Amino acid sequence: MSRMKISIYFSVTCIVLMSLLLNKAAAEISLPKVIGHNMVLQRNKPVPVWGYAAVGEKVTVKFGTQIRRTITDGSGKWQIILDPLKASDKPAQMLITGTNTITLENILVGEVWLCSGQSNMEYTMRRNSKVTVPEGITDWPVNELDLARESNIRIFLVERKKMNSDPAHLGWNIAEDSALRSFSAVAYFFAKKMYKELHVPIGVISSAIPGSRIEPWASEEAFANSP
């Protein structure tokens, strides 16, 4: 066989292999970042779980005793609805199966809140910890970052500049250490208060845009009902 034929054969083989790999990747189930390890599911309400896969792919979701099946639509989207769940601080596993299998760990069930708004909502725990202690004050509260070790409070930060990247902290985290340092102080203290009062796992999602208008963060109905 001539060198030219070998070269052509090799090139065609590479193209075929790359095509097969890309098709396989396209067929695999993928999830939005808000559905992942360490998440909290809303109690006492139907729970949607959704994602993407190949068109017409069969997808199965198993959580606890519930098993739900569906088929992706013409654009590859799929969604199932779990029956309402009771609050639970016992870490659970969710299994999502299709061409590939995704196993999500350490899931709790409780209260989930969206904390949205402007710069006062974005104000981070890192900045909160740098407040200067006034001279002569000896009973100033300790740094909350040193105390935060409650595994039943989970946080999810919507980072607009990093949504296309995949850093380790981009997703649900236990409210502690570096993940908490970058999180909304208002949202965290709200979650801490809710946990103290309700005694169920708390999940808070911070999505704040400094300088944005307040109107887009509220529904039309809310404005209509406000004096």
C-alpha atoms as a PDB file:
ATOM      1  CA  MET A   1       0.000   0.000   0.000  1.00  0.00           C
ATOM      2  CA  SER A   2       1.365   3.449  -0.953  1.00  0.00           C
ATOM      3  CA  ARG A   3       2.086   6.152   1.591  1.00  0.00           C
ATOM      4  CA  MET A   4      -0.716   8.286   0.132  1.00  0.00           C
ATOM      5  CA  LYS A   5      -3.279   5.482   0.571  1.00  0.00           C
ATOM      6  CA  ILE A   6      -2.078   4.832   4.122  1.00  0.00           C
ATOM      7  CA  SER A   7      -2.374   8.532   4.928  1.00  0.00           C
ATOM      8  CA  ILE A   8      -5.899   8.728   3.480  1.00  0.00           C
ATOM      9  CA  TYR A   9      -6.912   5.549   5.318  1.00  0.00           C
ATOM     10  CA  PHE A  10      -5.539   6.912   8.586  1.00  0.00           C
ATOM     11  CA  SER A  11      -7.317  10.246   8.143  1.00  0.00           C
ATOM     12  CA  VAL A  12     -10.657   8.604   7.364  1.00  0.00           C
ATOM     13  CA  THR A  13     -10.279   6.295  10.371  1.00  0.00           C
ATOM     14  CA  CYS A  14      -9.604   9.274  12.651  1.00  0.00           C
ATOM     15  CA  ILE A  15     -12.654  11.108  11.324  1.00  0.00           C
ATOM     16  CA  VAL A  16     -14.874   8.069  11.897  1.00  0.00           C
ATOM     17  CA  LEU A  17     -13.561   7.571  15.428  1.00  0.00           C
ATOM     18  CA  MET A  18     -14.026  11.241  16.279  1.00  0.00           C
ATOM     19  CA  SER A  19     -17.559  11.121  14.888  1.00  0.00           C
ATOM     20  CA  LEU A  20     -18.376   8.085  17.009  1.00  0.00           C
ATOM     21  CA  LEU A  21     -16.975   9.749  20.144  1.00  0.00           C
ATOM     22  CA  LEU A  22     -18.916  12.952  19.506  1.00  0.00           C
ATOM     23  CA  ASN A  23     -22.131  11.016  18.906  1.00  0.00           C
ATOM     24  CA  LYS A  24     -21.587   9.106  22.136  1.00  0.00           C
ATOM     25  CA  ALA A  25     -20.996  12.348  24.048  1.00  0.00           C
ATOM     26  CA  ALA A  26     -24.097  13.898  22.523  1.00  0.00           C
ATOM     27  CA  ALA A  27     -26.157  10.858  23.510  1.00  0.00           C
ATOM     28  CA  GLU A  28     -25.116  10.884  27.152  1.00  0.00           C
ATOM     29  CA  ILE A  29     -27.413  12.333  29.794  1.00  0.00           C
ATOM     30  CA  SER A  30     -26.407  15.767  31.041  1.00  0.00           C
ATOM     31  CA  LEU A  31     -27.870  17.810  33.878  1.00  0.00           C
ATOM     32  CA  PRO A  32     -28.135  21.499  34.704  1.00  0.00           C
ATOM     33  CA  LYS A  33     -25.665  22.544  37.406  1.00  0.00           C
ATOM     34  CA  VAL A  34     -28.479  23.157  39.891  1.00  0.00           C
ATOM     35  CA  ILE A  35     -29.194  19.415  39.936  1.00  0.00           C
ATOM     36  CA  GLY A  36     -26.178  17.778  41.528  1.00  0.00           C
ATOM     37  CA  HIS A  37     -24.403  16.412  44.580  1.00  0.00           C
ATOM     38  CA  ASN A  38     -25.285  18.015  47.939  1.00  0.00           C
ATOM     39  CA  MET A  39     -28.514  19.581  46.690  1.00  0.00           C
ATOM     40  CA  VAL A  40     -31.654  20.082  48.764  1.00  0.00           C
ATOM     41  CA  LEU A  41     -35.028  19.104  47.289  1.00  0.00           C
ATOM     42  CA  GLN A  42     -38.164  21.048  48.244  1.00  0.00           C
ATOM     43  CA  ARG A  43     -40.353  19.176  50.712  1.00  0.00           C
ATOM     44  CA  ASN A  44     -44.122  18.699  50.367  1.00  0.00           C
ATOM     45  CA  LYS A  45     -44.174  19.731  46.695  1.00  0.00           C
ATOM     46  CA  PRO A  46     -43.847  17.838  43.382  1.00  0.00           C
ATOM     47  CA  VAL A  47     -40.123  17.819  42.496  1.00  0.00           C
ATOM     48  CA  PRO A  48     -39.050  18.311  38.852  1.00  0.00           C
ATOM     49  CA  VAL A  49     -35.823  16.700  37.629  1.00  0.00           C
ATOM     50  CA  TRP A  50     -34.696  17.522  34.098  1.00  0.00           C
ATOM     51  CA  GLY A  51     -31.816  17.497  31.656  1.00  0.00           C
ATOM     52  CA  TYR A  52     -30.701  16.561  28.145  1.00  0.00           C
ATOM     53  CA  ALA A  53     -29.832  13.405  26.212  1.00  0.00           C
ATOM     54  CA  ALA A  54     -30.116  12.041  22.677  1.00  0.00           C
ATOM     55  CA  VAL A  55     -33.447  12.487  20.909  1.00  0.00           C
ATOM     56  CA  GLY A  56     -35.771   9.617  21.785  1.00  0.00           C
ATOM     57  CA  GLU A  57     -33.534   8.291  24.570  1.00  0.00           C
ATOM     58  CA  LYS A  58     -35.175   6.488  27.488  1.00  0.00           C
ATOM     59  CA  VAL A  59     -34.307   8.053  30.843  1.00  0.00           C
ATOM     60  CA  THR A  60     -34.976   6.597  34.296  1.00  0.00           C
ATOM     61  CA  VAL A  61     -34.766   8.504  37.578  1.00  0.00           C
ATOM     62  CA  LYS A  62     -34.695   6.657  40.891  1.00  0.00           C
ATOM     63  CA  PHE A  63     -34.899   8.433  44.239  1.00  0.00           C
ATOM     64  CA  GLY A  64     -35.800   6.535  47.390  1.00  0.00           C
ATOM     65  CA  THR A  65     -38.725   4.267  46.564  1.00  0.00           C
ATOM     66  CA  GLN A  66     -39.759   6.331  43.548  1.00  0.00           C
ATOM     67  CA  ILE A  67     -38.846   5.281  40.019  1.00  0.00           C
ATOM     68  CA  ARG A  68     -39.883   7.481  37.093  1.00  0.00           C
ATOM     69  CA  ARG A  69     -39.288   6.946  33.370  1.00  0.00           C
ATOM     70  CA  THR A  70     -39.572   9.215  30.373  1.00  0.00           C
ATOM     71  CA  ILE A  71     -38.318   9.693  26.789  1.00  0.00           C
ATOM     72  CA  THR A  72     -36.546  12.778  25.493  1.00  0.00           C
ATOM     73  CA  ASP A  73     -38.393  15.045  23.091  1.00  0.00           C
ATOM     74  CA  GLY A  74     -37.367  16.177  19.608  1.00  0.00           C
ATOM     75  CA  SER A  75     -34.730  18.550  21.007  1.00  0.00           C
ATOM     76  CA  GLY A  76     -33.276  16.049  23.455  1.00  0.00           C
ATOM     77  CA  LYS A  77     -34.896  17.552  26.536  1.00  0.00           C
ATOM     78  CA  TRP A  78     -36.464  15.428  29.261  1.00  0.00           C
ATOM     79  CA  GLN A  79     -38.224  15.996  32.570  1.00  0.00           C
ATOM     80  CA  ILE A  80     -39.813  13.845  35.239  1.00  0.00           C
ATOM     81  CA  ILE A  81     -41.797  14.840  38.336  1.00  0.00           C
ATOM     82  CA  LEU A  82     -41.228  13.124  41.669  1.00  0.00           C
ATOM     83  CA  ASP A  83     -44.098  12.895  44.130  1.00  0.00           C
ATOM     84  CA  PRO A  84     -43.920  15.256  47.134  1.00  0.00           C
ATOM     85  CA  LEU A  85     -41.260  14.245  49.660  1.00  0.00           C
ATOM     86  CA  LYS A  86     -41.105  14.536  53.426  1.00  0.00           C
ATOM     87  CA  ALA A  87     -38.262  16.509  54.969  1.00  0.00           C
ATOM     88  CA  SER A  88     -35.208  14.377  55.660  1.00  0.00           C
ATOM     89  CA  ASP A  89     -31.701  15.111  56.901  1.00  0.00           C
ATOM     90  CA  LYS A  90     -30.554  11.613  56.001  1.00  0.00           C
ATOM     91  CA  PRO A  91     -28.238  11.857  52.968  1.00  0.00           C
ATOM     92  CA  ALA A  92     -29.807  10.078  49.988  1.00  0.00           C
ATOM     93  CA  GLN A  93     -28.748   9.044  46.507  1.00  0.00           C
ATOM     94  CA  MET A  94     -30.389   9.803  43.164  1.00  0.00           C
ATOM     95  CA  LEU A  95     -29.726   7.525  40.192  1.00  0.00           C
ATOM     96  CA  ILE A  96     -30.311   8.833  36.658  1.00  0.00           C
ATOM     97  CA  THR A  97     -29.911   6.230  33.937  1.00  0.00           C
ATOM     98  CA  GLY A  98     -29.930   6.268  30.145  1.00  0.00           C
ATOM     99  CA  THR A  99     -27.036   5.629  27.783  1.00  0.00           C
ATOM    100  CA  ASN A 100     -24.879   6.589  30.751  1.00  0.00           C
ATOM    101  CA  THR A 101     -25.555   6.571  34.490  1.00  0.00           C
ATOM    102  CA  ILE A 102     -25.261   9.570  36.797  1.00  0.00           C
ATOM    103  CA  THR A 103     -25.212   8.991  40.549  1.00  0.00           C
ATOM    104  CA  LEU A 104     -25.874  12.030  42.723  1.00  0.00           C
ATOM    105  CA  GLU A 105     -24.848  11.763  46.371  1.00  0.00           C
ATOM    106  CA  ASN A 106     -25.602  13.438  49.692  1.00  0.00           C
ATOM    107  CA  ILE A 107     -29.071  14.783  48.808  1.00  0.00           C
ATOM    108  CA  LEU A 108     -31.369  16.162  51.529  1.00  0.00           C
ATOM    109  CA  VAL A 109     -35.041  17.175  51.544  1.00  0.00           C
ATOM    110  CA  GLY A 110     -36.254  20.359  53.203  1.00  0.00           C
ATOM    111  CA  GLU A 111     -36.819  24.020  52.317  1.00  0.00           C
ATOM    112  CA  VAL A 112     -35.339  25.614  49.180  1.00  0.00           C
ATOM    113  CA  TRP A 113     -35.255  29.386  48.763  1.00  0.00           C
ATOM    114  CA  LEU A 114     -34.117  31.683  45.933  1.00  0.00           C
ATOM    115  CA  CYS A 115     -32.353  34.807  47.227  1.00  0.00           C
ATOM    116  CA  SER A 116     -32.225  37.363  44.434  1.00  0.00           C
ATOM    117  CA  GLY A 117     -31.684  41.067  44.052  1.00  0.00           C
ATOM    118  CA  GLN A 118     -28.906  43.600  43.791  1.00  0.00           C
ATOM    119  CA  SER A 119     -25.555  44.341  45.458  1.00  0.00           C
ATOM    120  CA  ASN A 120     -26.919  44.118  49.004  1.00  0.00           C
ATOM    121  CA  MET A 121     -27.926  40.523  48.289  1.00  0.00           C
ATOM    122  CA  GLU A 122     -24.623  39.735  46.580  1.00  0.00           C
ATOM    123  CA  TYR A 123     -22.577  41.101  49.529  1.00  0.00           C
ATOM    124  CA  THR A 124     -20.387  38.151  50.418  1.00  0.00           C
ATOM    125  CA  MET A 125     -19.472  36.417  53.647  1.00  0.00           C
ATOM    126  CA  ARG A 126     -15.820  37.153  52.803  1.00  0.00           C
ATOM    127  CA  ARG A 127     -16.453  40.895  52.980  1.00  0.00           C
ATOM    128  CA  ASN A 128     -18.625  40.442  56.057  1.00  0.00           C
ATOM    129  CA  SER A 129     -15.703  38.821  57.902  1.00  0.00           C
ATOM    130  CA  LYS A 130     -13.405  41.799  57.230  1.00  0.00           C
ATOM    131  CA  VAL A 131     -15.409  44.298  59.284  1.00  0.00           C
ATOM    132  CA  THR A 132     -13.027  46.211  61.552  1.00  0.00           C
ATOM    133  CA  VAL A 133     -13.644  45.768  65.278  1.00  0.00           C
ATOM    134  CA  PRO A 134     -14.168  49.183  66.888  1.00  0.00           C
ATOM    135  CA  GLU A 135     -11.452  50.179  69.326  1.00  0.00           C
ATOM    136  CA  GLY A 136     -12.272  49.313  72.934  1.00  0.00           C
ATOM    137  CA  ILE A 137     -14.892  46.668  72.017  1.00  0.00           C
ATOM    138  CA  THR A 138     -13.982  43.304  73.535  1.00  0.00           C
ATOM    139  CA  ASP A 139     -17.210  41.359  73.065  1.00  0.00           C
ATOM    140  CA  TRP A 140     -17.386  41.686  69.264  1.00  0.00           C
ATOM    141  CA  PRO A 141     -19.034  38.608  67.673  1.00  0.00           C
ATOM    142  CA  VAL A 142     -16.623  35.971  66.420  1.00  0.00           C
ATOM    143  CA  ASN A 143     -16.095  35.450  62.702  1.00  0.00           C
ATOM    144  CA  GLU A 144     -19.067  33.455  61.438  1.00  0.00           C
ATOM    145  CA  LEU A 145     -16.846  31.689  58.910  1.00  0.00           C
ATOM    146  CA  ASP A 146     -15.053  30.047  61.815  1.00  0.00           C
ATOM    147  CA  LEU A 147     -18.342  28.709  63.202  1.00  0.00           C
ATOM    148  CA  ALA A 148     -20.131  27.580  60.048  1.00  0.00           C
ATOM    149  CA  ARG A 149     -20.141  23.782  60.203  1.00  0.00           C
ATOM    150  CA  GLU A 150     -23.827  22.920  59.750  1.00  0.00           C
ATOM    151  CA  SER A 151     -24.078  20.192  57.108  1.00  0.00           C
ATOM    152  CA  ASN A 152     -27.847  20.630  56.788  1.00  0.00           C
ATOM    153  CA  ILE A 153     -27.471  24.096  55.257  1.00  0.00           C
ATOM    154  CA  ARG A 154     -26.594  23.893  51.561  1.00  0.00           C
ATOM    155  CA  ILE A 155     -25.755  26.776  49.213  1.00  0.00           C
ATOM    156  CA  PHE A 156     -25.761  27.301  45.449  1.00  0.00           C
ATOM    157  CA  LEU A 157     -24.179  30.414  43.963  1.00  0.00           C
ATOM    158  CA  VAL A 158     -25.190  31.540  40.473  1.00  0.00           C
ATOM    159  CA  GLU A 159     -21.906  32.973  39.209  1.00  0.00           C
ATOM    160  CA  ARG A 160     -22.653  34.714  35.937  1.00  0.00           C
ATOM    161  CA  LYS A 161     -18.996  34.945  34.891  1.00  0.00           C
ATOM    162  CA  LYS A 162     -18.302  31.257  35.529  1.00  0.00           C
ATOM    163  CA  MET A 163     -21.418  29.440  34.329  1.00  0.00           C
ATOM    164  CA  ASN A 164     -19.565  28.175  31.245  1.00  0.00           C
ATOM    165  CA  SER A 165     -16.645  26.881  33.298  1.00  0.00           C
ATOM    166  CA  ASP A 166     -16.590  23.960  35.667  1.00  0.00           C
ATOM    167  CA  PRO A 167     -14.711  24.828  38.860  1.00  0.00           C
ATOM    168  CA  ALA A 168     -15.145  22.467  41.784  1.00  0.00           C
ATOM    169  CA  HIS A 169     -17.185  24.985  43.778  1.00  0.00           C
ATOM    170  CA  LEU A 170     -19.710  25.681  41.007  1.00  0.00           C
ATOM    171  CA  GLY A 171     -22.693  23.693  42.252  1.00  0.00           C
ATOM    172  CA  TRP A 172     -24.305  22.832  45.583  1.00  0.00           C
ATOM    173  CA  ASN A 173     -22.012  22.975  48.596  1.00  0.00           C
ATOM    174  CA  ILE A 174     -22.258  22.593  52.332  1.00  0.00           C
ATOM    175  CA  ALA A 175     -22.264  26.098  53.830  1.00  0.00           C
ATOM    176  CA  GLU A 176     -18.660  26.257  55.025  1.00  0.00           C
ATOM    177  CA  ASP A 177     -15.081  27.096  54.070  1.00  0.00           C
ATOM    178  CA  SER A 178     -14.251  28.597  50.644  1.00  0.00           C
ATOM    179  CA  ALA A 179     -17.715  28.033  49.187  1.00  0.00           C
ATOM    180  CA  LEU A 180     -19.312  30.062  51.989  1.00  0.00           C
ATOM    181  CA  ARG A 181     -16.710  32.831  51.728  1.00  0.00           C
ATOM    182  CA  SER A 182     -17.961  33.605  48.207  1.00  0.00           C
ATOM    183  CA  PHE A 183     -21.645  33.300  49.132  1.00  0.00           C
ATOM    184  CA  SER A 184     -24.249  35.929  49.994  1.00  0.00           C
ATOM    185  CA  ALA A 185     -24.111  36.954  53.659  1.00  0.00           C
ATOM    186  CA  VAL A 186     -27.812  37.865  53.658  1.00  0.00           C
ATOM    187  CA  ALA A 187     -28.780  34.507  52.153  1.00  0.00           C
ATOM    188  CA  TYR A 188     -26.610  32.562  54.604  1.00  0.00           C
ATOM    189  CA  PHE A 189     -27.925  34.267  57.738  1.00  0.00           C
ATOM    190  CA  PHE A 190     -31.462  33.843  56.409  1.00  0.00           C
ATOM    191  CA  ALA A 191     -30.793  30.113  55.941  1.00  0.00           C
ATOM    192  CA  LYS A 192     -29.297  29.874  59.425  1.00  0.00           C
ATOM    193  CA  LYS A 193     -32.386  31.505  60.946  1.00  0.00           C
ATOM    194  CA  MET A 194     -34.735  29.253  58.956  1.00  0.00           C
ATOM    195  CA  TYR A 195     -32.849  26.145  60.050  1.00  0.00           C
ATOM    196  CA  LYS A 196     -33.022  27.195  63.692  1.00  0.00           C
ATOM    197  CA  GLU A 197     -36.785  27.741  63.450  1.00  0.00           C
ATOM    198  CA  LEU A 198     -37.859  24.864  61.184  1.00  0.00           C
ATOM    199  CA  HIS A 199     -35.310  22.141  62.066  1.00  0.00           C
ATOM    200  CA  VAL A 200     -35.254  20.831  58.481  1.00  0.00           C
ATOM    201  CA  PRO A 201     -32.480  21.013  55.848  1.00  0.00           C
ATOM    202  CA  ILE A 202     -32.261  24.403  54.152  1.00  0.00           C
ATOM    203  CA  GLY A 203     -31.066  25.054  50.613  1.00  0.00           C
ATOM    204  CA  VAL A 204     -30.485  28.616  49.434  1.00  0.00           C
ATOM    205  CA  ILE A 205     -29.743  29.749  45.891  1.00  0.00           C
ATOM    206  CA  SER A 206     -28.119  33.175  45.554  1.00  0.00           C
ATOM    207  CA  SER A 207     -28.665  34.907  42.215  1.00  0.00           C
ATOM    208  CA  ALA A 208     -27.929  38.608  42.485  1.00  0.00           C
ATOM    209  CA  ILE A 209     -26.869  41.227  39.937  1.00  0.00           C
ATOM    210  CA  PRO A 210     -25.457  44.483  41.357  1.00  0.00           C
ATOM    211  CA  GLY A 211     -26.953  47.599  39.827  1.00  0.00           C
ATOM    212  CA  SER A 212     -29.868  45.777  38.237  1.00  0.00           C
ATOM    213  CA  ARG A 213     -33.393  47.196  38.358  1.00  0.00           C
ATOM    214  CA  ILE A 214     -35.572  45.713  41.082  1.00  0.00           C
ATOM    215  CA  GLU A 215     -38.627  45.242  38.837  1.00  0.00           C
ATOM    216  CA  PRO A 216     -37.352  42.116  36.988  1.00  0.00           C
ATOM    217  CA  TRP A 217     -36.864  40.335  40.339  1.00  0.00           C
ATOM    218  CA  ALA A 218     -40.565  40.565  41.250  1.00  0.00           C
ATOM    219  CA  SER A 219     -43.594  39.138  39.470  1.00  0.00           C
ATOM    220  CA  GLU A 220     -46.297  41.264  37.851  1.00  0.00           C
ATOM    221  CA  GLU A 221     -48.764  39.859  40.386  1.00  0.00           C
ATOM    222  CA  ALA A 222     -46.559  41.037  43.259  1.00  0.00           C
ATOM    223  CA  PHE A 223     -46.565  44.592  41.914  1.00  0.00           C
ATOM    224  CA  ALA A 224     -50.325  44.494  41.329  1.00  0.00           C
ATOM    225  CA  ASN A 225     -50.968  43.428  44.923  1.00  0.00           C
ATOM    226  CA  SER A 226     -48.574  45.949  46.492  1.00  0.00           C
ATOM    227  CA  PRO A 227     -49.985  49.242  47.798  1.00  0.00           C
END
